[in-house]
N, C-alpha and C. Protein backbone atom coordinates (compact mmCIF):
# COMPACT_ATOMS: atom_id res chain seq x y z
N MET A 1 10.14 -6.92 -8.77
CA MET A 1 9.11 -6.25 -8.17
C MET A 1 10.15 -5.53 -7.80
N LYS A 2 9.04 -4.48 -7.67
CA LYS A 2 9.73 -3.43 -6.60
C LYS A 2 8.75 -3.29 -5.17
N LEU A 3 9.21 -3.54 -4.32
CA LEU A 3 7.93 -3.14 -3.00
C LEU A 3 8.50 -1.88 -2.83
N ILE A 4 6.77 -1.33 -2.35
CA ILE A 4 6.57 0.23 -2.29
C ILE A 4 6.42 0.26 -0.62
N VAL A 5 7.07 1.04 -0.02
CA VAL A 5 6.57 1.04 1.67
C VAL A 5 5.94 2.21 2.29
N PRO A 6 5.10 2.34 2.50
CA PRO A 6 4.32 3.84 3.10
C PRO A 6 5.18 3.59 4.31
N TYR A 7 5.56 4.98 4.67
CA TYR A 7 6.32 4.89 5.79
C TYR A 7 6.51 6.18 7.04
N ARG A 8 6.19 6.42 8.11
CA ARG A 8 6.37 7.69 9.31
C ARG A 8 6.77 7.02 10.57
N ASN A 9 7.77 6.76 11.00
CA ASN A 9 8.32 7.20 12.84
C ASN A 9 8.63 5.27 12.96
N ARG A 10 8.59 4.53 12.65
CA ARG A 10 8.22 2.97 12.84
C ARG A 10 10.02 2.43 12.03
N LEU A 11 11.17 3.43 12.66
CA LEU A 11 12.12 2.78 12.17
C LEU A 11 12.86 1.44 12.64
N ASP A 12 12.24 0.69 13.58
CA ASP A 12 12.54 -0.35 14.26
C ASP A 12 11.79 -1.62 13.26
N HIS A 13 10.59 -0.81 12.91
CA HIS A 13 9.72 -2.12 11.77
C HIS A 13 10.10 -2.57 10.53
N LEU A 14 10.80 -1.37 10.09
CA LEU A 14 11.96 -0.98 8.86
C LEU A 14 13.39 -1.97 9.10
N LYS A 15 14.14 -1.65 9.79
CA LYS A 15 15.25 -2.31 10.30
C LYS A 15 14.64 -3.62 9.59
N GLN A 16 14.03 -4.37 10.82
CA GLN A 16 13.67 -5.46 10.44
C GLN A 16 13.02 -6.35 9.31
N PHE A 17 12.00 -5.48 8.43
CA PHE A 17 11.73 -5.17 6.85
C PHE A 17 12.75 -5.69 6.55
N VAL A 18 13.30 -4.52 6.24
CA VAL A 18 14.89 -4.50 5.27
C VAL A 18 15.52 -5.70 5.54
N GLU A 19 16.07 -6.46 6.76
CA GLU A 19 16.96 -7.38 6.97
C GLU A 19 15.71 -8.42 6.19
N HIS A 20 14.48 -8.94 6.40
CA HIS A 20 13.58 -10.26 5.75
C HIS A 20 13.72 -9.86 4.21
N TYR A 21 13.55 -9.14 3.95
CA TYR A 21 13.85 -8.52 2.29
C TYR A 21 14.81 -8.62 1.85
N LYS A 22 16.07 -8.89 2.34
CA LYS A 22 17.39 -8.52 1.85
C LYS A 22 17.56 -9.02 0.21
N GLY A 23 17.88 -8.42 -0.63
CA GLY A 23 17.90 -8.30 -1.86
C GLY A 23 16.84 -8.17 -3.07
N PHE A 24 15.79 -8.10 -2.05
CA PHE A 24 14.61 -6.95 -2.62
C PHE A 24 14.70 -6.02 -3.39
N ASP A 25 14.28 -5.24 -4.37
CA ASP A 25 14.32 -3.55 -4.64
C ASP A 25 13.14 -3.24 -4.06
N ILE A 26 13.18 -2.14 -2.80
CA ILE A 26 12.73 -1.32 -1.92
C ILE A 26 12.64 -0.12 -2.07
N LEU A 27 11.66 0.54 -1.99
CA LEU A 27 11.44 1.94 -2.20
C LEU A 27 10.53 2.53 -1.23
N VAL A 28 10.97 2.82 -0.12
CA VAL A 28 10.40 3.76 0.93
C VAL A 28 9.99 5.26 0.55
N VAL A 29 8.71 5.34 1.04
CA VAL A 29 8.19 6.59 0.99
C VAL A 29 8.02 7.18 2.23
N GLU A 30 8.59 8.49 2.90
CA GLU A 30 8.26 8.49 3.92
C GLU A 30 7.15 9.99 3.76
N GLN A 31 6.21 9.67 5.00
CA GLN A 31 5.63 11.12 5.02
C GLN A 31 5.98 12.20 5.75
N ALA A 32 6.49 13.53 5.41
CA ALA A 32 7.60 14.29 6.16
C ALA A 32 6.19 14.93 7.12
N ASN A 33 5.67 15.91 7.08
CA ASN A 33 4.71 16.48 7.55
C ASN A 33 3.97 15.58 8.62
N ASN A 34 3.28 16.56 9.43
CA ASN A 34 2.49 16.04 10.78
C ASN A 34 0.69 15.86 10.91
N GLU A 35 0.42 15.75 9.40
CA GLU A 35 -0.71 15.60 9.13
C GLU A 35 -1.24 13.97 9.29
N LEU A 36 -2.02 13.43 9.84
CA LEU A 36 -2.92 12.17 9.20
C LEU A 36 -2.00 11.81 7.83
N PHE A 37 -2.03 10.27 9.00
CA PHE A 37 -1.06 9.47 7.76
C PHE A 37 -1.80 9.34 6.20
N ASN A 38 -1.19 9.61 5.24
CA ASN A 38 -1.76 9.31 4.12
C ASN A 38 -1.35 7.93 3.25
N ARG A 39 -2.01 6.74 3.57
CA ARG A 39 -1.15 5.36 2.95
C ARG A 39 -1.74 5.53 1.48
N GLY A 40 -2.82 5.31 1.34
CA GLY A 40 -3.01 5.85 -0.55
C GLY A 40 -2.15 6.91 -1.34
N LYS A 41 -1.84 7.74 -0.72
CA LYS A 41 -1.09 8.88 -1.92
C LYS A 41 0.35 8.30 -1.26
N LEU A 42 0.75 8.06 -0.10
CA LEU A 42 2.33 7.87 -0.45
C LEU A 42 2.59 6.28 -1.56
N LEU A 43 1.58 5.64 -1.35
CA LEU A 43 2.06 4.69 -2.43
C LEU A 43 1.91 5.26 -3.91
N ASN A 44 0.51 6.01 -4.13
CA ASN A 44 0.66 6.63 -5.73
C ASN A 44 2.60 6.94 -5.92
N ILE A 45 2.75 7.84 -4.81
CA ILE A 45 4.08 8.96 -4.99
C ILE A 45 5.35 7.64 -5.44
N GLY A 46 5.19 6.53 -4.58
CA GLY A 46 5.94 5.84 -4.87
C GLY A 46 5.87 4.91 -6.28
N PHE A 47 4.47 4.86 -6.49
CA PHE A 47 4.44 4.10 -8.29
C PHE A 47 4.64 5.36 -9.08
N ASN A 48 4.11 6.11 -8.99
CA ASN A 48 4.58 7.83 -9.78
C ASN A 48 6.22 7.92 -10.03
N GLU A 49 7.13 7.47 -8.83
CA GLU A 49 8.72 7.74 -9.03
C GLU A 49 8.94 6.39 -9.31
N CYS A 50 8.79 5.49 -9.26
CA CYS A 50 9.70 4.14 -10.31
C CYS A 50 9.21 3.85 -11.68
N ASN A 51 9.58 2.99 -11.98
CA ASN A 51 9.12 2.78 -13.46
C ASN A 51 9.23 0.97 -14.02
N ASP A 52 8.73 0.49 -12.70
CA ASP A 52 8.81 -1.06 -13.15
C ASP A 52 7.50 -1.34 -14.04
N LYS A 53 7.09 -2.06 -13.69
CA LYS A 53 6.24 -2.92 -14.33
C LYS A 53 5.24 -3.57 -13.84
N THR A 54 6.02 -4.00 -12.76
CA THR A 54 5.60 -4.90 -11.24
C THR A 54 5.79 -4.27 -9.96
N VAL A 55 4.72 -3.75 -9.29
CA VAL A 55 5.05 -3.31 -8.22
C VAL A 55 4.54 -3.68 -7.13
N CYS A 56 4.63 -3.58 -6.21
CA CYS A 56 4.31 -4.82 -4.53
C CYS A 56 3.62 -3.19 -3.95
N PHE A 57 2.58 -3.11 -3.02
CA PHE A 57 2.60 -2.11 -1.95
C PHE A 57 2.93 -2.65 -0.55
N HIS A 58 3.46 -2.50 0.34
CA HIS A 58 3.63 -3.13 1.35
C HIS A 58 3.76 -2.56 2.38
N ASP A 59 2.94 -3.20 3.58
CA ASP A 59 3.33 -2.32 4.94
C ASP A 59 4.28 -2.98 5.39
N VAL A 60 5.15 -1.67 6.42
CA VAL A 60 6.05 -2.15 6.41
C VAL A 60 6.22 -3.31 7.63
N ASP A 61 4.65 -3.87 8.48
CA ASP A 61 4.62 -4.45 9.29
C ASP A 61 4.42 -5.84 9.48
N LEU A 62 4.20 -6.21 8.40
CA LEU A 62 4.09 -7.62 7.80
C LEU A 62 5.04 -8.05 7.02
N LEU A 63 5.56 -9.35 7.58
CA LEU A 63 6.76 -10.13 6.68
C LEU A 63 6.48 -11.87 6.70
N ALA A 64 6.51 -11.87 5.30
CA ALA A 64 6.27 -12.83 4.61
C ALA A 64 6.51 -14.07 5.38
N GLU A 65 6.38 -15.52 5.88
CA GLU A 65 7.00 -16.37 6.46
C GLU A 65 7.54 -17.10 5.06
N SER A 66 7.14 -16.95 4.21
CA SER A 66 7.73 -17.77 2.79
C SER A 66 7.84 -16.75 1.88
N LEU A 67 8.78 -16.46 0.78
CA LEU A 67 8.95 -15.62 0.05
C LEU A 67 8.64 -16.00 -1.53
N GLU A 68 8.70 -17.12 -1.96
CA GLU A 68 8.21 -17.41 -3.15
C GLU A 68 7.00 -17.06 -3.68
N HIS A 69 6.09 -16.22 -3.34
CA HIS A 69 5.06 -16.06 -3.90
C HIS A 69 5.36 -14.81 -4.69
N TYR A 70 6.75 -13.87 -3.93
CA TYR A 70 7.04 -12.77 -4.61
C TYR A 70 7.55 -13.00 -6.33
N ASN A 71 8.07 -14.23 -6.97
CA ASN A 71 8.76 -14.35 -7.64
C ASN A 71 7.53 -14.61 -9.00
N GLN A 72 6.36 -15.12 -8.63
CA GLN A 72 5.44 -14.82 -9.72
C GLN A 72 5.15 -14.06 -10.39
N PRO A 73 4.72 -14.23 -11.89
CA PRO A 73 4.37 -13.84 -12.79
C PRO A 73 2.79 -12.97 -11.97
N ILE A 74 2.85 -11.67 -12.52
CA ILE A 74 1.35 -10.95 -11.67
C ILE A 74 0.78 -11.12 -13.21
N ASP A 75 -0.62 -11.00 -13.55
CA ASP A 75 -1.61 -10.80 -14.66
C ASP A 75 -3.16 -9.83 -13.18
N GLY A 76 -2.76 -8.79 -13.51
CA GLY A 76 -3.52 -7.73 -13.45
C GLY A 76 -3.25 -7.21 -11.53
N ALA A 77 -3.61 -7.65 -10.71
CA ALA A 77 -3.67 -7.64 -9.27
C ALA A 77 -3.66 -8.74 -8.23
N VAL A 78 -2.87 -8.81 -7.37
CA VAL A 78 -2.88 -10.20 -6.24
C VAL A 78 -2.82 -9.75 -5.29
N HIS A 79 -3.71 -9.92 -4.11
CA HIS A 79 -3.69 -10.05 -2.92
C HIS A 79 -3.11 -10.74 -2.15
N PHE A 80 -1.42 -10.50 -1.41
CA PHE A 80 -0.74 -11.39 -1.13
C PHE A 80 -1.35 -11.91 0.57
N SER A 81 -1.20 -11.05 0.98
CA SER A 81 -1.40 -11.42 2.74
C SER A 81 -2.92 -10.99 3.39
N GLY A 82 -3.45 -12.86 2.64
CA GLY A 82 -5.01 -12.90 3.46
C GLY A 82 -4.19 -14.06 4.75
N LEU A 83 -3.49 -14.09 5.72
CA LEU A 83 -3.69 -14.80 6.56
C LEU A 83 -2.86 -13.86 7.35
N CYS A 84 -2.70 -13.51 8.03
CA CYS A 84 -1.61 -12.41 9.38
C CYS A 84 -2.08 -13.10 10.12
N GLU A 85 -0.64 -12.74 11.15
CA GLU A 85 -0.60 -13.26 12.43
C GLU A 85 -1.65 -12.21 13.46
N GLN A 86 -2.08 -11.11 13.13
CA GLN A 86 -2.71 -10.32 13.74
C GLN A 86 -4.11 -9.99 13.57
N PHE A 87 -4.69 -11.01 13.11
CA PHE A 87 -5.76 -11.92 12.54
C PHE A 87 -5.80 -13.39 12.74
N ASN A 88 -5.30 -13.79 13.68
CA ASN A 88 -5.02 -15.06 13.59
C ASN A 88 -5.26 -16.07 12.82
N TYR A 89 -4.12 -15.56 11.75
CA TYR A 89 -4.09 -16.09 10.58
C TYR A 89 -5.22 -16.72 9.93
N LYS A 90 -6.21 -15.62 10.01
CA LYS A 90 -7.58 -15.70 9.48
C LYS A 90 -7.99 -15.01 8.54
N VAL A 91 -8.90 -14.92 7.68
CA VAL A 91 -8.97 -14.13 6.45
C VAL A 91 -10.29 -12.88 7.13
N PRO A 92 -9.87 -11.74 7.62
CA PRO A 92 -11.08 -11.08 8.30
C PRO A 92 -12.23 -10.49 7.51
N TYR A 93 -12.24 -10.58 6.28
CA TYR A 93 -13.67 -10.41 5.85
C TYR A 93 -12.79 -11.01 4.05
N ASP A 94 -14.23 -11.08 3.42
CA ASP A 94 -13.77 -12.02 1.45
C ASP A 94 -12.99 -11.13 0.89
N THR A 95 -13.13 -9.82 0.98
CA THR A 95 -12.47 -8.75 -0.23
C THR A 95 -11.38 -7.69 0.30
N CYS A 96 -10.63 -8.19 1.68
CA CYS A 96 -9.94 -7.89 2.05
C CYS A 96 -8.65 -7.27 1.48
N PHE A 97 -8.23 -5.94 0.97
CA PHE A 97 -7.23 -5.75 0.16
C PHE A 97 -6.30 -5.15 0.65
N GLY A 98 -6.15 -4.99 1.82
CA GLY A 98 -5.00 -4.54 2.44
C GLY A 98 -3.53 -4.97 2.79
N GLY A 99 -2.37 -4.50 3.36
CA GLY A 99 -1.57 -5.00 3.56
C GLY A 99 -0.45 -4.93 2.83
N VAL A 100 -0.25 -6.18 2.01
CA VAL A 100 0.07 -6.71 0.46
C VAL A 100 -0.28 -6.75 -0.33
N THR A 101 -0.06 -6.17 -1.56
CA THR A 101 -1.23 -6.23 -2.45
C THR A 101 -0.06 -5.87 -3.92
N ALA A 102 0.00 -6.99 -5.26
CA ALA A 102 0.72 -6.53 -6.19
C ALA A 102 0.13 -6.29 -7.29
N PHE A 103 0.74 -5.33 -8.47
CA PHE A 103 0.14 -5.00 -9.42
C PHE A 103 1.10 -4.68 -10.56
N THR A 104 0.47 -5.15 -11.87
CA THR A 104 1.16 -4.48 -13.01
C THR A 104 0.70 -3.08 -12.84
N GLU A 105 1.73 -2.24 -13.81
CA GLU A 105 1.89 -0.84 -13.89
C GLU A 105 0.46 -1.01 -14.52
N GLU A 106 0.05 -1.87 -16.06
CA GLU A 106 -1.16 -1.32 -16.64
C GLU A 106 -2.22 -1.28 -15.85
N ALA A 107 -2.52 -2.45 -15.04
CA ALA A 107 -3.64 -2.63 -14.17
C ALA A 107 -3.53 -1.18 -13.02
N PHE A 108 -2.62 -1.18 -12.66
CA PHE A 108 -2.38 0.05 -11.75
C PHE A 108 -3.36 1.84 -12.05
N LEU A 109 -2.53 1.63 -13.52
CA LEU A 109 -2.85 2.74 -14.37
C LEU A 109 -4.36 2.39 -14.77
N THR A 110 -4.61 1.99 -15.05
CA THR A 110 -6.19 1.40 -15.21
C THR A 110 -7.24 2.23 -14.49
N CYS A 111 -6.51 1.30 -13.05
CA CYS A 111 -7.47 2.09 -11.99
C CYS A 111 -7.66 3.53 -11.11
N ASN A 112 -6.66 4.41 -11.82
CA ASN A 112 -5.97 5.65 -11.43
C ASN A 112 -5.74 5.48 -10.28
N GLY A 113 -4.73 4.57 -9.71
CA GLY A 113 -4.04 4.32 -8.25
C GLY A 113 -5.04 4.35 -7.18
N PHE A 114 -5.00 4.63 -5.68
CA PHE A 114 -5.37 4.76 -5.34
C PHE A 114 -5.97 5.98 -4.82
N SER A 115 -6.75 6.39 -4.40
CA SER A 115 -7.42 7.29 -3.91
C SER A 115 -6.70 8.60 -3.29
N ASN A 116 -6.26 10.15 -3.01
CA ASN A 116 -5.35 10.62 -2.54
C ASN A 116 -6.10 11.27 -1.55
N ASN A 117 -7.85 10.73 -1.09
CA ASN A 117 -7.89 11.45 0.11
C ASN A 117 -8.52 10.99 1.40
N TYR A 118 -7.68 9.79 1.49
CA TYR A 118 -8.10 9.16 2.64
C TYR A 118 -7.22 9.01 3.08
N TRP A 119 -7.22 10.09 4.89
CA TRP A 119 -6.91 10.41 5.52
C TRP A 119 -6.53 9.63 7.17
N GLY A 120 -5.70 9.29 7.83
CA GLY A 120 -5.80 7.93 8.91
C GLY A 120 -6.19 7.05 8.43
N TRP A 121 -6.80 6.55 9.58
CA TRP A 121 -6.97 4.74 9.44
C TRP A 121 -7.57 3.83 8.49
N GLY A 122 -8.11 3.70 7.07
CA GLY A 122 -9.27 2.44 7.03
C GLY A 122 -9.54 3.24 5.57
N GLY A 123 -9.87 2.76 4.86
CA GLY A 123 -10.71 2.63 3.42
C GLY A 123 -9.85 2.73 2.01
N GLU A 124 -8.76 3.15 2.12
CA GLU A 124 -7.78 3.22 0.70
C GLU A 124 -8.04 2.29 0.13
N ASP A 125 -8.05 0.97 1.08
CA ASP A 125 -7.44 -0.35 0.28
C ASP A 125 -8.86 -0.99 -0.18
N ASP A 126 -9.73 -0.75 0.34
CA ASP A 126 -11.24 -1.38 -0.19
C ASP A 126 -11.35 -0.01 -0.95
N ASP A 127 -11.23 1.10 -1.31
CA ASP A 127 -11.43 1.98 -2.22
C ASP A 127 -10.44 1.03 -3.49
N LEU A 128 -9.27 1.13 -3.44
CA LEU A 128 -8.83 0.49 -4.57
C LEU A 128 -9.40 -1.33 -5.12
N TYR A 129 -9.71 -1.79 -3.95
CA TYR A 129 -11.09 -3.00 -4.40
C TYR A 129 -11.91 -2.38 -5.15
N THR A 130 -12.34 -1.65 -4.89
CA THR A 130 -13.74 -1.31 -5.70
C THR A 130 -13.07 -0.62 -7.59
N ARG A 131 -12.11 -0.16 -7.11
CA ARG A 131 -11.46 0.46 -8.68
C ARG A 131 -11.17 -0.69 -9.52
N THR A 132 -10.92 -1.70 -9.02
CA THR A 132 -10.42 -3.03 -9.65
C THR A 132 -11.55 -3.73 -10.05
N LYS A 133 -12.24 -3.56 -9.58
CA LYS A 133 -13.64 -4.30 -10.08
C LYS A 133 -14.59 -3.39 -10.97
N LEU A 134 -14.33 -2.12 -10.52
CA LEU A 134 -15.17 -1.10 -11.76
C LEU A 134 -14.40 -1.36 -12.98
N ASN A 135 -12.99 -1.59 -13.14
CA ASN A 135 -13.06 -1.60 -14.41
C ASN A 135 -12.14 -2.99 -14.89
N ASN A 136 -12.97 -3.92 -14.52
CA ASN A 136 -12.94 -5.39 -14.54
C ASN A 136 -11.01 -5.68 -14.50
N ILE A 137 -10.11 -5.18 -13.99
CA ILE A 137 -9.11 -5.63 -13.29
C ILE A 137 -9.38 -7.60 -12.97
N ARG A 138 -8.17 -8.45 -13.43
CA ARG A 138 -8.58 -9.75 -12.73
C ARG A 138 -7.32 -9.36 -11.56
N THR A 139 -8.53 -9.83 -10.52
CA THR A 139 -7.73 -9.65 -9.14
C THR A 139 -8.04 -11.28 -8.44
N LYS A 140 -6.89 -11.67 -7.91
CA LYS A 140 -6.63 -12.58 -7.32
C LYS A 140 -6.24 -12.83 -5.72
N PHE A 141 -6.87 -13.73 -4.85
CA PHE A 141 -6.88 -13.44 -3.28
C PHE A 141 -5.94 -14.26 -2.86
N GLU A 142 -4.67 -14.37 -2.46
CA GLU A 142 -4.08 -15.58 -1.87
C GLU A 142 -3.43 -15.61 -0.60
N LEU A 143 -3.38 -16.80 0.04
CA LEU A 143 -3.61 -17.05 1.07
C LEU A 143 -2.09 -17.10 1.77
N HIS A 144 -1.19 -16.52 1.67
CA HIS A 144 0.16 -16.31 2.10
C HIS A 144 0.23 -16.03 3.78
N ARG A 145 0.38 -16.63 4.59
CA ARG A 145 1.16 -15.91 6.26
C ARG A 145 1.95 -15.12 6.01
N TYR A 146 1.46 -14.24 7.00
CA TYR A 146 2.65 -12.99 7.39
C TYR A 146 2.66 -12.92 8.39
N LYS A 147 3.62 -13.05 9.44
CA LYS A 147 4.22 -12.38 10.69
C LYS A 147 3.92 -11.02 11.03
N SER A 148 3.04 -10.77 11.98
CA SER A 148 2.18 -9.16 12.31
C SER A 148 3.55 -8.41 13.20
N LEU A 149 4.53 -7.22 12.63
CA LEU A 149 4.67 -6.82 14.06
C LEU A 149 4.33 -5.86 14.61
N LYS A 150 4.59 -5.95 16.18
CA LYS A 150 3.59 -5.31 17.14
C LYS A 150 4.00 -3.58 17.06
N HIS A 151 2.65 -3.16 17.61
CA HIS A 151 3.01 -1.70 17.54
C HIS A 151 1.62 -1.31 18.18
N GLU A 152 1.54 -0.10 18.04
CA GLU A 152 -0.06 0.81 18.68
C GLU A 152 -0.79 0.97 17.58
N LYS A 153 -2.06 0.63 17.78
CA LYS A 153 -3.04 0.83 16.98
C LYS A 153 -3.31 1.92 16.92
N GLN A 154 -3.29 1.98 15.30
CA GLN A 154 -3.84 3.42 15.00
C GLN A 154 -4.91 4.27 15.68
N PRO A 155 -4.96 5.02 16.12
CA PRO A 155 -6.26 5.88 16.73
C PRO A 155 -7.45 6.36 15.52
N ILE A 156 -9.07 5.96 16.03
CA ILE A 156 -9.70 6.40 15.12
C ILE A 156 -10.24 7.65 15.49
N THR A 157 -9.72 8.30 14.34
CA THR A 157 -9.92 9.70 14.13
C THR A 157 -11.18 10.31 13.20
N SER A 158 -11.85 11.44 13.87
CA SER A 158 -12.92 12.13 13.43
C SER A 158 -13.03 11.85 11.38
N GLU A 159 -11.80 11.43 10.98
CA GLU A 159 -11.65 11.25 9.50
C GLU A 159 -12.33 10.11 9.09
N TYR A 160 -12.50 9.02 10.04
CA TYR A 160 -12.92 7.85 9.88
C TYR A 160 -13.74 7.36 9.96
N LYS A 161 -15.16 8.41 9.94
CA LYS A 161 -16.40 8.07 9.46
C LYS A 161 -16.25 9.06 8.39
N ALA A 162 -15.88 9.88 7.77
CA ALA A 162 -15.59 10.27 6.46
C ALA A 162 -14.85 9.60 5.41
N ASN A 163 -13.95 8.50 5.88
CA ASN A 163 -13.60 7.75 4.98
C ASN A 163 -14.54 6.97 4.83
N LYS A 164 -15.11 5.82 5.60
CA LYS A 164 -16.08 5.30 5.56
C LYS A 164 -16.99 5.68 4.48
N GLU A 165 -17.14 7.06 4.96
CA GLU A 165 -19.16 7.80 3.26
C GLU A 165 -17.97 7.65 2.46
N ARG A 166 -16.82 7.80 2.31
CA ARG A 166 -16.30 8.26 0.78
C ARG A 166 -16.20 6.84 0.10
N LEU A 167 -16.10 5.56 0.74
CA LEU A 167 -16.11 4.22 0.18
C LEU A 167 -17.55 4.22 -0.42
N ASN A 168 -18.75 4.52 -0.03
CA ASN A 168 -19.74 4.86 -1.56
C ASN A 168 -20.22 5.61 -2.59
N ARG A 169 -18.84 6.30 -2.43
CA ARG A 169 -18.70 7.09 -3.35
C ARG A 169 -17.71 6.61 -4.59
N THR A 170 -17.26 6.05 -4.30
CA THR A 170 -15.74 5.52 -5.33
C THR A 170 -16.28 5.31 -7.07
N GLN A 171 -17.40 4.96 -6.88
CA GLN A 171 -17.82 4.70 -8.80
C GLN A 171 -18.05 5.79 -9.14
N HIS A 172 -18.32 7.63 -8.16
CA HIS A 172 -18.51 8.25 -8.92
C HIS A 172 -17.02 8.85 -8.72
N THR A 173 -16.07 8.98 -8.01
CA THR A 173 -15.30 9.90 -7.70
C THR A 173 -13.58 8.96 -8.27
N TRP A 174 -13.64 8.10 -8.61
CA TRP A 174 -12.21 6.92 -9.06
C TRP A 174 -11.81 7.86 -10.08
N GLU A 175 -12.35 8.33 -10.94
CA GLU A 175 -11.60 8.97 -12.55
C GLU A 175 -10.67 10.01 -12.33
N PHE A 176 -11.10 10.53 -11.21
CA PHE A 176 -10.83 12.25 -10.90
C PHE A 176 -9.76 12.40 -9.87
N ASP A 177 -9.55 11.39 -8.83
CA ASP A 177 -9.15 11.28 -7.65
C ASP A 177 -8.11 10.10 -7.68
N GLY A 178 -7.48 9.96 -8.28
CA GLY A 178 -5.90 9.33 -8.16
C GLY A 178 -4.51 10.14 -8.55
N LEU A 179 -4.48 8.93 -9.27
CA LEU A 179 -2.37 9.24 -10.04
C LEU A 179 -2.72 10.64 -10.85
N ASN A 180 -4.21 10.80 -11.43
CA ASN A 180 -4.10 11.83 -12.25
C ASN A 180 -4.28 13.48 -11.49
N SER A 181 -4.78 13.20 -10.06
CA SER A 181 -4.97 14.16 -9.72
C SER A 181 -3.59 14.46 -8.47
N LEU A 182 -2.56 13.80 -8.23
CA LEU A 182 -1.89 14.03 -7.33
C LEU A 182 -0.82 14.84 -7.61
N ARG A 183 -0.76 15.33 -6.41
CA ARG A 183 0.38 16.80 -5.98
C ARG A 183 1.20 16.17 -4.82
N TYR A 184 1.99 16.38 -4.88
CA TYR A 184 3.41 16.70 -3.56
C TYR A 184 4.35 17.00 -3.78
N LYS A 185 5.34 17.21 -2.86
CA LYS A 185 6.54 17.92 -3.22
C LYS A 185 7.81 16.39 -2.22
N ILE A 186 8.85 16.51 -2.93
CA ILE A 186 10.12 16.20 -2.44
C ILE A 186 10.62 16.72 -1.92
N VAL A 187 10.99 16.44 -0.37
CA VAL A 187 11.52 17.47 0.16
C VAL A 187 13.54 16.54 0.88
N GLU A 188 13.05 15.32 -0.03
CA GLU A 188 14.64 14.26 0.15
C GLU A 188 14.56 12.99 -0.43
N ARG A 189 15.80 13.09 -1.51
CA ARG A 189 16.14 11.82 -1.30
C ARG A 189 17.43 11.21 -1.40
N GLY A 190 16.90 10.09 -0.25
CA GLY A 190 18.42 9.36 -0.37
C GLY A 190 18.42 7.80 0.10
N GLU A 191 18.33 7.66 1.75
CA GLU A 191 18.56 5.91 1.98
C GLU A 191 18.46 5.98 3.30
N ILE A 192 17.86 5.13 3.21
CA ILE A 192 17.20 4.39 4.80
C ILE A 192 17.31 3.30 5.19
N CYS A 193 18.14 2.84 6.42
CA CYS A 193 18.48 1.32 6.17
C CYS A 193 19.21 0.45 5.29
N GLY A 194 19.99 1.37 4.67
CA GLY A 194 20.47 0.62 3.44
C GLY A 194 19.75 0.40 2.28
N VAL A 195 18.39 1.12 2.03
CA VAL A 195 17.38 1.44 0.98
C VAL A 195 16.93 2.32 0.15
N GLU A 196 16.57 2.62 -0.82
CA GLU A 196 15.62 3.90 -1.25
C GLU A 196 14.99 4.62 -0.25
N LEU A 197 15.50 5.81 -0.33
CA LEU A 197 14.19 7.00 0.28
C LEU A 197 13.87 8.00 -0.48
N ILE A 198 12.58 8.37 -0.32
CA ILE A 198 11.89 9.68 -1.17
C ILE A 198 11.16 9.64 0.08
N LYS A 199 11.46 11.16 0.53
CA LYS A 199 10.88 11.34 1.82
C LYS A 199 9.44 12.66 1.07
N VAL A 200 8.36 12.79 1.77
CA VAL A 200 7.66 13.93 0.97
C VAL A 200 6.71 14.77 1.89
N ASP A 201 6.61 15.70 1.40
CA ASP A 201 5.66 16.54 1.95
C ASP A 201 4.07 16.80 0.85
N LEU A 202 3.04 16.24 1.81
CA LEU A 202 1.93 15.70 1.08
C LEU A 202 0.65 17.26 1.30
């Protein structure tokens, strides 16, 4: 299972992440431009640039308190990070699908990946969950505990409202907004903190 990590300007977190997940296959996808962060598109790029049969989309600020569940066979999609320190180890809402989520290659392709159109904080993970439901993907929610690395909260931008409204249209947009409409430019391939890095311009 490859861990795909969307990244920008979190070097201290990345150093802790790489140390914590030493021995794991990690791909860091860094957003090179100064636009609002686009987590979904970065994760689509990571999937597009690897050939693994199972991938795990993983935020850089979450460290699992136990690592055993990463070795389980995946059938469809599994949300791992049900109990996060930042939410006092409680599930924020029943269909919370952000943080750490694993997919088989087949299931992610069937969903057409993430939407590429969620800029700034919020929405892309809920959109992806809706895609799993629309495509009858077997989806599990597991209650693993994760330490949350501290950072400044992402600002609520004018795009937040647009993202919320976009969620209501997922059933009409998923087929043409995702892996099949993905456009990006790779500006650098290399390493960061000893793991694979792809730096991209969105």
